[in-house]
Amino acid sequence: MPADTRPSSHPDPYRDIDAQPDTDQFIASLEARGRTPSQRRLRQRFLRFIPIRSGQHVLEVGCGTGVVLRDIAALVGSRGRALGVDQSRSLVAAARRLTSRAAHRGRLAVRWAAGEQLPFRRPQFDVALAVTVILHVQDPLRVVKEMARVTRPGGHVAVQDQDFGTVAVAHPDRTLTDQIMGGVAARMYEEPYSGRRLPGLLRAVGLERVRLLTDVYQDTTLTPYTKTFLERRAERAVTWGIVEAAVAQRWLDGFTALVTAGGFVMTMNYYGAVGQKLPAED
């Protein structure tokens, strides 16, 4: 199937990365986030919470550049298998390139597929998971239903998302910060509070024994990932007429002053939900 080259009209660029003018920017951003220590701790705690075990066959929906997939390959061991799918052909190509250099590349595979229509006829995975994906999809229930369909009885379906209703960031101008952060999130995402709805999604597709892990992304030094995150919020606030360019720059300068004074703080809750697909007789 040829790639769709039409420009995306949705304000969330992650909804259709291949339609964006600079896909390399997204590849670099995903890899930078993956290297951030706080993000690394978040995903590794979530993988233990599921849990991912040696010998399992694991599917990651929306694998991006393969950051999480590489962690999964290390956990499943030589008898396991980690398969990632993504609907972006640019990200699939990047993931194949990056995983080809991974230490556990023999356990890894990446292919193009949309989460709403997974190309597997029968249940075959011990775990199906999606990390920071549900926030960006048009029909979350359909994606989770597909993940459950391809998971074998007794297996687990797991989803993790950030929740933009829980962002706390220090800034001298609290009103302006709320205006920019809240305004951009409300415009960009259909459900900015995605994280807190994940347990309900799992139960809605018939999964049982649903568990929730609440975790926190924390930054007190303005890491490159956080800096880029805030800069893009400022850019979009200007683009969408929430604030003027000079106001946005003043907002960003406020963070720089806080870092210099040792007073910068940004935190955001991440919610990870796991449910089990019980055998029919249960």
C-alpha atoms as a PDB file:
ATOM      1  CA  MET A   1       0.000   0.000   0.000  1.00  0.00           C
ATOM      2  CA  PRO A   2       1.546   3.363  -0.963  1.00  0.00           C
ATOM      3  CA  ALA A   3       2.133   5.889   1.771  1.00  0.00           C
ATOM      4  CA  ASP A   4      -0.449   8.650   2.104  1.00  0.00           C
ATOM      5  CA  THR A   5       1.354  11.884   1.233  1.00  0.00           C
ATOM      6  CA  ARG A   6      -1.562  14.212   1.849  1.00  0.00           C
ATOM      7  CA  PRO A   7      -0.856  16.851   4.516  1.00  0.00           C
ATOM      8  CA  SER A   8      -2.442  16.078   7.868  1.00  0.00           C
ATOM      9  CA  SER A   9      -5.073  18.558   9.057  1.00  0.00           C
ATOM     10  CA  HIS A  10      -5.179  17.272  12.629  1.00  0.00           C
ATOM     11  CA  PRO A  11      -3.387  19.533  15.148  1.00  0.00           C
ATOM     12  CA  ASP A  12      -1.634  16.554  16.754  1.00  0.00           C
ATOM     13  CA  PRO A  13       1.338  15.844  14.439  1.00  0.00           C
ATOM     14  CA  TYR A  14       1.791  12.375  15.945  1.00  0.00           C
ATOM     15  CA  ARG A  15      -1.567  11.434  14.445  1.00  0.00           C
ATOM     16  CA  ASP A  16       0.136  11.337  11.016  1.00  0.00           C
ATOM     17  CA  ILE A  17       3.903  11.746  11.182  1.00  0.00           C
ATOM     18  CA  ASP A  18       4.455  10.852   7.515  1.00  0.00           C
ATOM     19  CA  ALA A  19       2.418  13.902   6.497  1.00  0.00           C
ATOM     20  CA  GLN A  20       4.708  16.278   8.418  1.00  0.00           C
ATOM     21  CA  PRO A  21       7.356  18.340   6.571  1.00  0.00           C
ATOM     22  CA  ASP A  22      10.288  17.114   8.699  1.00  0.00           C
ATOM     23  CA  THR A  23      10.010  13.510   9.884  1.00  0.00           C
ATOM     24  CA  ASP A  24      13.659  13.529  10.973  1.00  0.00           C
ATOM     25  CA  GLN A  25      12.651  15.937  13.744  1.00  0.00           C
ATOM     26  CA  PHE A  26      10.231  13.379  15.176  1.00  0.00           C
ATOM     27  CA  ILE A  27      12.798  10.587  14.957  1.00  0.00           C
ATOM     28  CA  ALA A  28      15.348  12.697  16.826  1.00  0.00           C
ATOM     29  CA  SER A  29      12.766  13.743  19.427  1.00  0.00           C
ATOM     30  CA  LEU A  30      11.687  10.171  20.174  1.00  0.00           C
ATOM     31  CA  GLU A  31      15.281   9.043  20.568  1.00  0.00           C
ATOM     32  CA  ALA A  32      16.105  12.035  22.798  1.00  0.00           C
ATOM     33  CA  ARG A  33      13.117  11.255  25.012  1.00  0.00           C
ATOM     34  CA  GLY A  34      14.228   7.638  25.200  1.00  0.00           C
ATOM     35  CA  ARG A  35      17.665   8.666  26.478  1.00  0.00           C
ATOM     36  CA  THR A  36      16.283  10.945  29.199  1.00  0.00           C
ATOM     37  CA  PRO A  37      16.956   9.220  32.561  1.00  0.00           C
ATOM     38  CA  SER A  38      13.512   9.920  34.023  1.00  0.00           C
ATOM     39  CA  GLN A  39      11.808   8.573  30.889  1.00  0.00           C
ATOM     40  CA  ARG A  40      14.011   5.483  30.954  1.00  0.00           C
ATOM     41  CA  ARG A  41      12.994   4.779  34.544  1.00  0.00           C
ATOM     42  CA  LEU A  42       9.304   5.271  33.673  1.00  0.00           C
ATOM     43  CA  ARG A  43       9.237   2.712  30.883  1.00  0.00           C
ATOM     44  CA  GLN A  44      11.428   0.164  32.672  1.00  0.00           C
ATOM     45  CA  ARG A  45       9.200   0.248  35.778  1.00  0.00           C
ATOM     46  CA  PHE A  46       6.161  -0.198  33.545  1.00  0.00           C
ATOM     47  CA  LEU A  47       7.672  -3.199  31.755  1.00  0.00           C
ATOM     48  CA  ARG A  48       8.380  -4.805  35.139  1.00  0.00           C
ATOM     49  CA  PHE A  49       4.832  -4.020  36.282  1.00  0.00           C
ATOM     50  CA  ILE A  50       3.207  -5.838  33.325  1.00  0.00           C
ATOM     51  CA  PRO A  51       5.489  -7.936  33.655  1.00  0.00           C
ATOM     52  CA  ILE A  52       7.578  -8.814  30.570  1.00  0.00           C
ATOM     53  CA  ARG A  53       9.270 -12.181  31.164  1.00  0.00           C
ATOM     54  CA  SER A  54      11.921 -14.304  29.507  1.00  0.00           C
ATOM     55  CA  GLY A  55      10.631 -16.450  26.646  1.00  0.00           C
ATOM     56  CA  GLN A  56       7.537 -14.373  25.912  1.00  0.00           C
ATOM     57  CA  HIS A  57       6.334 -13.181  22.524  1.00  0.00           C
ATOM     58  CA  VAL A  58       5.524  -9.475  22.862  1.00  0.00           C
ATOM     59  CA  LEU A  59       3.813  -7.068  20.482  1.00  0.00           C
ATOM     60  CA  GLU A  60       4.324  -3.323  20.777  1.00  0.00           C
ATOM     61  CA  VAL A  61       1.720  -1.212  18.968  1.00  0.00           C
ATOM     62  CA  GLY A  62       2.989   2.210  17.915  1.00  0.00           C
ATOM     63  CA  CYS A  63       6.631   1.286  18.434  1.00  0.00           C
ATOM     64  CA  GLY A  64       7.995   4.521  16.946  1.00  0.00           C
ATOM     65  CA  THR A  65      11.769   4.331  16.565  1.00  0.00           C
ATOM     66  CA  GLY A  66      11.993   1.199  18.719  1.00  0.00           C
ATOM     67  CA  VAL A  67      13.040   2.715  22.051  1.00  0.00           C
ATOM     68  CA  VAL A  68      10.743   0.504  24.138  1.00  0.00           C
ATOM     69  CA  LEU A  69      11.145  -2.426  21.757  1.00  0.00           C
ATOM     70  CA  ARG A  70      14.868  -2.573  22.480  1.00  0.00           C
ATOM     71  CA  ASP A  71      14.131  -2.772  26.201  1.00  0.00           C
ATOM     72  CA  ILE A  72      11.596  -5.540  25.572  1.00  0.00           C
ATOM     73  CA  ALA A  73      14.120  -7.566  23.560  1.00  0.00           C
ATOM     74  CA  ALA A  74      16.515  -7.516  26.497  1.00  0.00           C
ATOM     75  CA  LEU A  75      13.789  -8.827  28.808  1.00  0.00           C
ATOM     76  CA  VAL A  76      12.392 -11.671  26.661  1.00  0.00           C
ATOM     77  CA  GLY A  77      15.774 -13.362  26.319  1.00  0.00           C
ATOM     78  CA  SER A  78      17.031 -15.694  23.624  1.00  0.00           C
ATOM     79  CA  ARG A  79      13.787 -17.739  23.554  1.00  0.00           C
ATOM     80  CA  GLY A  80      11.539 -14.699  23.291  1.00  0.00           C
ATOM     81  CA  ARG A  81      10.469 -12.385  20.495  1.00  0.00           C
ATOM     82  CA  ALA A  82       9.725  -8.659  20.336  1.00  0.00           C
ATOM     83  CA  LEU A  83       7.654  -7.417  17.395  1.00  0.00           C
ATOM     84  CA  GLY A  84       6.895  -3.739  16.870  1.00  0.00           C
ATOM     85  CA  VAL A  85       4.329  -2.227  14.519  1.00  0.00           C
ATOM     86  CA  ASP A  86       3.761   1.401  13.594  1.00  0.00           C
ATOM     87  CA  GLN A  87       1.574   3.173  11.049  1.00  0.00           C
ATOM     88  CA  SER A  88       4.348   5.635  10.120  1.00  0.00           C
ATOM     89  CA  ARG A  89       6.573   4.325   7.357  1.00  0.00           C
ATOM     90  CA  SER A  90       9.233   6.865   8.306  1.00  0.00           C
ATOM     91  CA  LEU A  91       9.333   5.593  11.888  1.00  0.00           C
ATOM     92  CA  VAL A  92       9.334   1.955  10.764  1.00  0.00           C
ATOM     93  CA  ALA A  93      12.363   2.632   8.560  1.00  0.00           C
ATOM     94  CA  ALA A  94      14.113   4.412  11.435  1.00  0.00           C
ATOM     95  CA  ALA A  95      13.255   1.615  13.884  1.00  0.00           C
ATOM     96  CA  ARG A  96      14.656  -1.027  11.536  1.00  0.00           C
ATOM     97  CA  ARG A  97      17.862   0.954  11.145  1.00  0.00           C
ATOM     98  CA  LEU A  98      18.275   1.568  14.872  1.00  0.00           C
ATOM     99  CA  THR A  99      17.344  -1.945  16.007  1.00  0.00           C
ATOM    100  CA  SER A 100      19.763  -3.462  13.485  1.00  0.00           C
ATOM    101  CA  ARG A 101      22.530  -2.088  15.713  1.00  0.00           C
ATOM    102  CA  ALA A 102      20.931  -3.261  18.963  1.00  0.00           C
ATOM    103  CA  ALA A 103      22.587  -5.901  21.117  1.00  0.00           C
ATOM    104  CA  HIS A 104      19.487  -8.109  20.953  1.00  0.00           C
ATOM    105  CA  ARG A 105      18.648  -7.508  17.284  1.00  0.00           C
ATOM    106  CA  GLY A 106      18.044 -11.216  16.622  1.00  0.00           C
ATOM    107  CA  ARG A 107      14.955 -11.084  18.850  1.00  0.00           C
ATOM    108  CA  LEU A 108      13.533  -7.970  17.180  1.00  0.00           C
ATOM    109  CA  ALA A 109      11.305  -7.322  14.193  1.00  0.00           C
ATOM    110  CA  VAL A 110       9.489  -4.211  13.003  1.00  0.00           C
ATOM    111  CA  ARG A 111       6.708  -3.950  10.433  1.00  0.00           C
ATOM    112  CA  TRP A 112       4.231  -1.411   9.138  1.00  0.00           C
ATOM    113  CA  ALA A 113       0.684  -1.761  10.493  1.00  0.00           C
ATOM    114  CA  ALA A 114      -2.047   0.388  11.972  1.00  0.00           C
ATOM    115  CA  GLY A 115      -3.172  -0.338  15.511  1.00  0.00           C
ATOM    116  CA  GLU A 116      -6.813  -0.219  14.435  1.00  0.00           C
ATOM    117  CA  GLN A 117      -6.295  -3.220  12.116  1.00  0.00           C
ATOM    118  CA  LEU A 118      -3.496  -5.491  13.250  1.00  0.00           C
ATOM    119  CA  PRO A 119      -2.353  -8.012  10.595  1.00  0.00           C
ATOM    120  CA  PHE A 120      -2.607 -11.131  12.773  1.00  0.00           C
ATOM    121  CA  ARG A 121      -5.452 -13.611  12.315  1.00  0.00           C
ATOM    122  CA  ARG A 122      -5.179 -15.444  15.602  1.00  0.00           C
ATOM    123  CA  PRO A 123      -4.230 -14.711  19.225  1.00  0.00           C
ATOM    124  CA  GLN A 124      -0.486 -15.317  19.429  1.00  0.00           C
ATOM    125  CA  PHE A 125       1.143 -12.837  21.808  1.00  0.00           C
ATOM    126  CA  ASP A 126       1.790 -13.226  25.519  1.00  0.00           C
ATOM    127  CA  VAL A 127       1.725  -9.445  25.906  1.00  0.00           C
ATOM    128  CA  ALA A 128       0.452  -6.636  23.674  1.00  0.00           C
ATOM    129  CA  LEU A 129       1.359  -3.140  24.813  1.00  0.00           C
ATOM    130  CA  ALA A 130       1.238   0.476  23.682  1.00  0.00           C
ATOM    131  CA  VAL A 131       3.373   3.148  25.356  1.00  0.00           C
ATOM    132  CA  THR A 132       2.361   6.831  24.933  1.00  0.00           C
ATOM    133  CA  VAL A 133       0.207   5.907  21.942  1.00  0.00           C
ATOM    134  CA  ILE A 134      -3.444   5.946  23.037  1.00  0.00           C
ATOM    135  CA  LEU A 135      -3.276   9.714  23.565  1.00  0.00           C
ATOM    136  CA  HIS A 136      -2.657  10.175  19.843  1.00  0.00           C
ATOM    137  CA  VAL A 137      -5.089   7.750  18.159  1.00  0.00           C
ATOM    138  CA  GLN A 138      -8.503   8.626  16.779  1.00  0.00           C
ATOM    139  CA  ASP A 139     -10.315   5.580  18.176  1.00  0.00           C
ATOM    140  CA  PRO A 140      -8.623   4.331  21.384  1.00  0.00           C
ATOM    141  CA  LEU A 141     -11.252   1.678  22.074  1.00  0.00           C
ATOM    142  CA  ARG A 142     -10.762   0.091  18.658  1.00  0.00           C
ATOM    143  CA  VAL A 143      -6.978  -0.062  19.117  1.00  0.00           C
ATOM    144  CA  VAL A 144      -7.243  -1.662  22.569  1.00  0.00           C
ATOM    145  CA  LYS A 145      -9.834  -4.113  21.254  1.00  0.00           C
ATOM    146  CA  GLU A 146      -7.421  -5.159  18.496  1.00  0.00           C
ATOM    147  CA  MET A 147      -4.624  -5.579  21.020  1.00  0.00           C
ATOM    148  CA  ALA A 148      -6.850  -7.840  23.090  1.00  0.00           C
ATOM    149  CA  ARG A 149      -7.887  -9.842  20.015  1.00  0.00           C
ATOM    150  CA  VAL A 150      -4.297 -10.819  19.145  1.00  0.00           C
ATOM    151  CA  THR A 151      -3.353 -11.647  22.756  1.00  0.00           C
ATOM    152  CA  ARG A 152      -3.584 -15.293  23.733  1.00  0.00           C
ATOM    153  CA  PRO A 153      -5.875 -16.367  26.604  1.00  0.00           C
ATOM    154  CA  GLY A 154      -4.027 -15.809  29.851  1.00  0.00           C
ATOM    155  CA  GLY A 155      -1.921 -13.061  28.304  1.00  0.00           C
ATOM    156  CA  HIS A 156      -1.824  -9.381  29.162  1.00  0.00           C
ATOM    157  CA  VAL A 157      -2.724  -6.122  27.425  1.00  0.00           C
ATOM    158  CA  ALA A 158      -0.902  -3.048  28.730  1.00  0.00           C
ATOM    159  CA  VAL A 159      -1.145   0.664  27.946  1.00  0.00           C
ATOM    160  CA  GLN A 160       0.744   3.637  29.339  1.00  0.00           C
ATOM    161  CA  ASP A 161       0.073   7.324  28.719  1.00  0.00           C
ATOM    162  CA  GLN A 162       0.959  10.696  30.105  1.00  0.00           C
ATOM    163  CA  ASP A 163      -1.851  12.883  31.430  1.00  0.00           C
ATOM    164  CA  PHE A 164      -1.668  16.583  30.576  1.00  0.00           C
ATOM    165  CA  GLY A 165      -4.070  17.429  33.371  1.00  0.00           C
ATOM    166  CA  THR A 166      -1.299  16.588  35.839  1.00  0.00           C
ATOM    167  CA  VAL A 167       1.534  18.743  34.498  1.00  0.00           C
ATOM    168  CA  ALA A 168       3.170  20.861  37.185  1.00  0.00           C
ATOM    169  CA  VAL A 169       5.833  23.295  36.020  1.00  0.00           C
ATOM    170  CA  ALA A 170       7.419  26.090  38.038  1.00  0.00           C
ATOM    171  CA  HIS A 171       7.307  29.528  36.437  1.00  0.00           C
ATOM    172  CA  PRO A 172       7.133  33.105  37.771  1.00  0.00           C
ATOM    173  CA  ASP A 173       3.902  33.722  35.802  1.00  0.00           C
ATOM    174  CA  ARG A 174       1.450  30.996  36.792  1.00  0.00           C
ATOM    175  CA  THR A 175      -1.477  32.486  34.879  1.00  0.00           C
ATOM    176  CA  LEU A 176       0.469  32.631  31.630  1.00  0.00           C
ATOM    177  CA  THR A 177       1.771  29.110  32.178  1.00  0.00           C
ATOM    178  CA  ASP A 178      -1.757  27.770  32.624  1.00  0.00           C
ATOM    179  CA  GLN A 179      -2.868  29.684  29.529  1.00  0.00           C
ATOM    180  CA  ILE A 180      -0.159  28.206  27.321  1.00  0.00           C
ATOM    181  CA  MET A 181       0.006  24.671  28.704  1.00  0.00           C
ATOM    182  CA  GLY A 182      -3.732  24.197  29.042  1.00  0.00           C
ATOM    183  CA  GLY A 183      -4.584  25.987  25.812  1.00  0.00           C
ATOM    184  CA  VAL A 184      -2.194  23.986  23.655  1.00  0.00           C
ATOM    185  CA  ALA A 185      -3.170  20.634  25.181  1.00  0.00           C
ATOM    186  CA  ALA A 186      -6.870  21.335  24.719  1.00  0.00           C
ATOM    187  CA  ARG A 187      -6.324  22.266  21.070  1.00  0.00           C
ATOM    188  CA  MET A 188      -3.920  19.442  20.193  1.00  0.00           C
ATOM    189  CA  TYR A 189      -5.523  16.376  21.777  1.00  0.00           C
ATOM    190  CA  GLU A 190      -9.087  15.109  21.699  1.00  0.00           C
ATOM    191  CA  GLU A 191      -8.543  13.783  25.235  1.00  0.00           C
ATOM    192  CA  PRO A 192      -5.635  15.559  26.962  1.00  0.00           C
ATOM    193  CA  TYR A 193      -6.312  13.589  30.172  1.00  0.00           C
ATOM    194  CA  SER A 194      -5.707  10.290  28.404  1.00  0.00           C
ATOM    195  CA  GLY A 195      -3.736   8.592  31.185  1.00  0.00           C
ATOM    196  CA  ARG A 196      -6.532   8.450  33.734  1.00  0.00           C
ATOM    197  CA  ARG A 197      -8.970   6.738  31.366  1.00  0.00           C
ATOM    198  CA  LEU A 198      -6.760   3.735  30.574  1.00  0.00           C
ATOM    199  CA  PRO A 199      -8.144   1.298  33.194  1.00  0.00           C
ATOM    200  CA  GLY A 200     -11.649   1.976  31.896  1.00  0.00           C
ATOM    201  CA  LEU A 201     -10.568   1.236  28.324  1.00  0.00           C
ATOM    202  CA  LEU A 202      -9.158  -2.141  29.315  1.00  0.00           C
ATOM    203  CA  ARG A 203     -12.323  -3.094  31.167  1.00  0.00           C
ATOM    204  CA  ALA A 204     -14.459  -1.905  28.246  1.00  0.00           C
ATOM    205  CA  VAL A 205     -12.939  -4.546  25.939  1.00  0.00           C
ATOM    206  CA  GLY A 206     -13.543  -7.342  28.446  1.00  0.00           C
ATOM    207  CA  LEU A 207     -10.166  -7.611  30.146  1.00  0.00           C
ATOM    208  CA  GLU A 208     -10.051  -8.700  33.781  1.00  0.00           C
ATOM    209  CA  ARG A 209      -7.769  -8.221  36.776  1.00  0.00           C
ATOM    210  CA  VAL A 210      -6.969  -4.672  35.693  1.00  0.00           C
ATOM    211  CA  ARG A 211      -4.141  -3.037  37.653  1.00  0.00           C
ATOM    212  CA  LEU A 212      -2.886   0.544  37.616  1.00  0.00           C
ATOM    213  CA  LEU A 213       0.624   1.943  38.067  1.00  0.00           C
ATOM    214  CA  THR A 214       0.895   5.702  38.628  1.00  0.00           C
ATOM    215  CA  ASP A 215       4.343   7.119  38.000  1.00  0.00           C
ATOM    216  CA  VAL A 216       5.860  10.576  37.650  1.00  0.00           C
ATOM    217  CA  TYR A 217       8.141  12.158  35.087  1.00  0.00           C
ATOM    218  CA  GLN A 218      10.387  14.562  36.987  1.00  0.00           C
ATOM    219  CA  ASP A 219      12.914  17.125  35.763  1.00  0.00           C
ATOM    220  CA  THR A 220      14.733  19.714  37.871  1.00  0.00           C
ATOM    221  CA  THR A 221      17.492  20.644  35.399  1.00  0.00           C
ATOM    222  CA  LEU A 222      15.612  21.420  32.154  1.00  0.00           C
ATOM    223  CA  THR A 223      16.915  18.441  30.201  1.00  0.00           C
ATOM    224  CA  PRO A 224      17.049  18.720  26.387  1.00  0.00           C
ATOM    225  CA  TYR A 225      13.802  16.741  26.108  1.00  0.00           C
ATOM    226  CA  THR A 226      11.932  19.025  28.536  1.00  0.00           C
ATOM    227  CA  LYS A 227      13.389  22.149  26.924  1.00  0.00           C
ATOM    228  CA  THR A 228      12.197  21.013  23.492  1.00  0.00           C
ATOM    229  CA  PHE A 229       8.794  20.094  24.918  1.00  0.00           C
ATOM    230  CA  LEU A 230       8.316  23.591  26.358  1.00  0.00           C
ATOM    231  CA  GLU A 231       9.638  25.323  23.245  1.00  0.00           C
ATOM    232  CA  ARG A 232       7.147  23.468  21.071  1.00  0.00           C
ATOM    233  CA  ARG A 233       4.347  24.384  23.438  1.00  0.00           C
ATOM    234  CA  ALA A 234       5.359  28.029  23.033  1.00  0.00           C
ATOM    235  CA  GLU A 235       5.540  27.729  19.237  1.00  0.00           C
ATOM    236  CA  ARG A 236       2.084  26.199  19.009  1.00  0.00           C
ATOM    237  CA  ALA A 237       0.625  28.760  21.378  1.00  0.00           C
ATOM    238  CA  VAL A 238       1.778  31.445  18.952  1.00  0.00           C
ATOM    239  CA  THR A 239       0.618  29.538  15.854  1.00  0.00           C
ATOM    240  CA  TRP A 240      -2.844  29.020  17.310  1.00  0.00           C
ATOM    241  CA  GLY A 241      -3.219  32.584  18.540  1.00  0.00           C
ATOM    242  CA  ILE A 242      -3.177  31.753  22.239  1.00  0.00           C
ATOM    243  CA  VAL A 243      -0.399  34.294  22.913  1.00  0.00           C
ATOM    244  CA  GLU A 244       1.764  36.633  20.851  1.00  0.00           C
ATOM    245  CA  ALA A 245       5.341  35.746  19.958  1.00  0.00           C
ATOM    246  CA  ALA A 246       6.881  38.224  22.399  1.00  0.00           C
ATOM    247  CA  VAL A 247       4.801  36.819  25.247  1.00  0.00           C
ATOM    248  CA  ALA A 248       5.818  33.267  24.360  1.00  0.00           C
ATOM    249  CA  GLN A 249       9.482  34.243  24.381  1.00  0.00           C
ATOM    250  CA  ARG A 250       9.089  35.950  27.750  1.00  0.00           C
ATOM    251  CA  TRP A 251       7.556  32.734  29.044  1.00  0.00           C
ATOM    252  CA  LEU A 252      10.519  30.661  27.835  1.00  0.00           C
ATOM    253  CA  ASP A 253      12.986  33.171  29.300  1.00  0.00           C
ATOM    254  CA  GLY A 254      11.300  32.658  32.672  1.00  0.00           C
ATOM    255  CA  PHE A 255      12.361  29.005  32.662  1.00  0.00           C
ATOM    256  CA  THR A 256      15.950  29.932  31.851  1.00  0.00           C
ATOM    257  CA  ALA A 257      16.053  32.251  34.859  1.00  0.00           C
ATOM    258  CA  LEU A 258      14.653  29.510  37.108  1.00  0.00           C
ATOM    259  CA  VAL A 259      17.299  27.014  35.968  1.00  0.00           C
ATOM    260  CA  THR A 260      20.034  29.545  36.727  1.00  0.00           C
ATOM    261  CA  ALA A 261      18.595  30.031  40.215  1.00  0.00           C
ATOM    262  CA  GLY A 262      18.214  26.284  40.774  1.00  0.00           C
ATOM    263  CA  GLY A 263      14.436  26.537  41.060  1.00  0.00           C
ATOM    264  CA  PHE A 264      13.210  24.726  37.951  1.00  0.00           C
ATOM    265  CA  VAL A 265      10.709  21.877  38.457  1.00  0.00           C
ATOM    266  CA  MET A 266       8.523  20.025  35.995  1.00  0.00           C
ATOM    267  CA  THR A 267       6.547  16.893  36.767  1.00  0.00           C
ATOM    268  CA  MET A 268       3.816  14.982  34.944  1.00  0.00           C
ATOM    269  CA  ASN A 269       1.918  11.841  35.869  1.00  0.00           C
ATOM    270  CA  TYR A 270       2.138   8.742  33.712  1.00  0.00           C
ATOM    271  CA  TYR A 271      -0.505   6.042  34.124  1.00  0.00           C
ATOM    272  CA  GLY A 272       0.128   2.438  33.177  1.00  0.00           C
ATOM    273  CA  ALA A 273      -2.787   0.004  33.111  1.00  0.00           C
ATOM    274  CA  VAL A 274      -2.562  -3.753  32.637  1.00  0.00           C
ATOM    275  CA  GLY A 275      -5.407  -6.212  32.123  1.00  0.00           C
ATOM    276  CA  GLN A 276      -5.540  -9.965  31.592  1.00  0.00           C
ATOM    277  CA  LYS A 277      -7.382 -11.845  28.869  1.00  0.00           C
ATOM    278  CA  LEU A 278      -8.857 -14.782  30.737  1.00  0.00           C
ATOM    279  CA  PRO A 279      -9.613 -18.110  29.047  1.00  0.00           C
ATOM    280  CA  ALA A 280     -13.226 -18.495  27.947  1.00  0.00           C
ATOM    281  CA  GLU A 281     -14.043 -20.990  30.703  1.00  0.00           C
ATOM    282  CA  ASP A 282     -13.096 -18.376  33.316  1.00  0.00           C
END
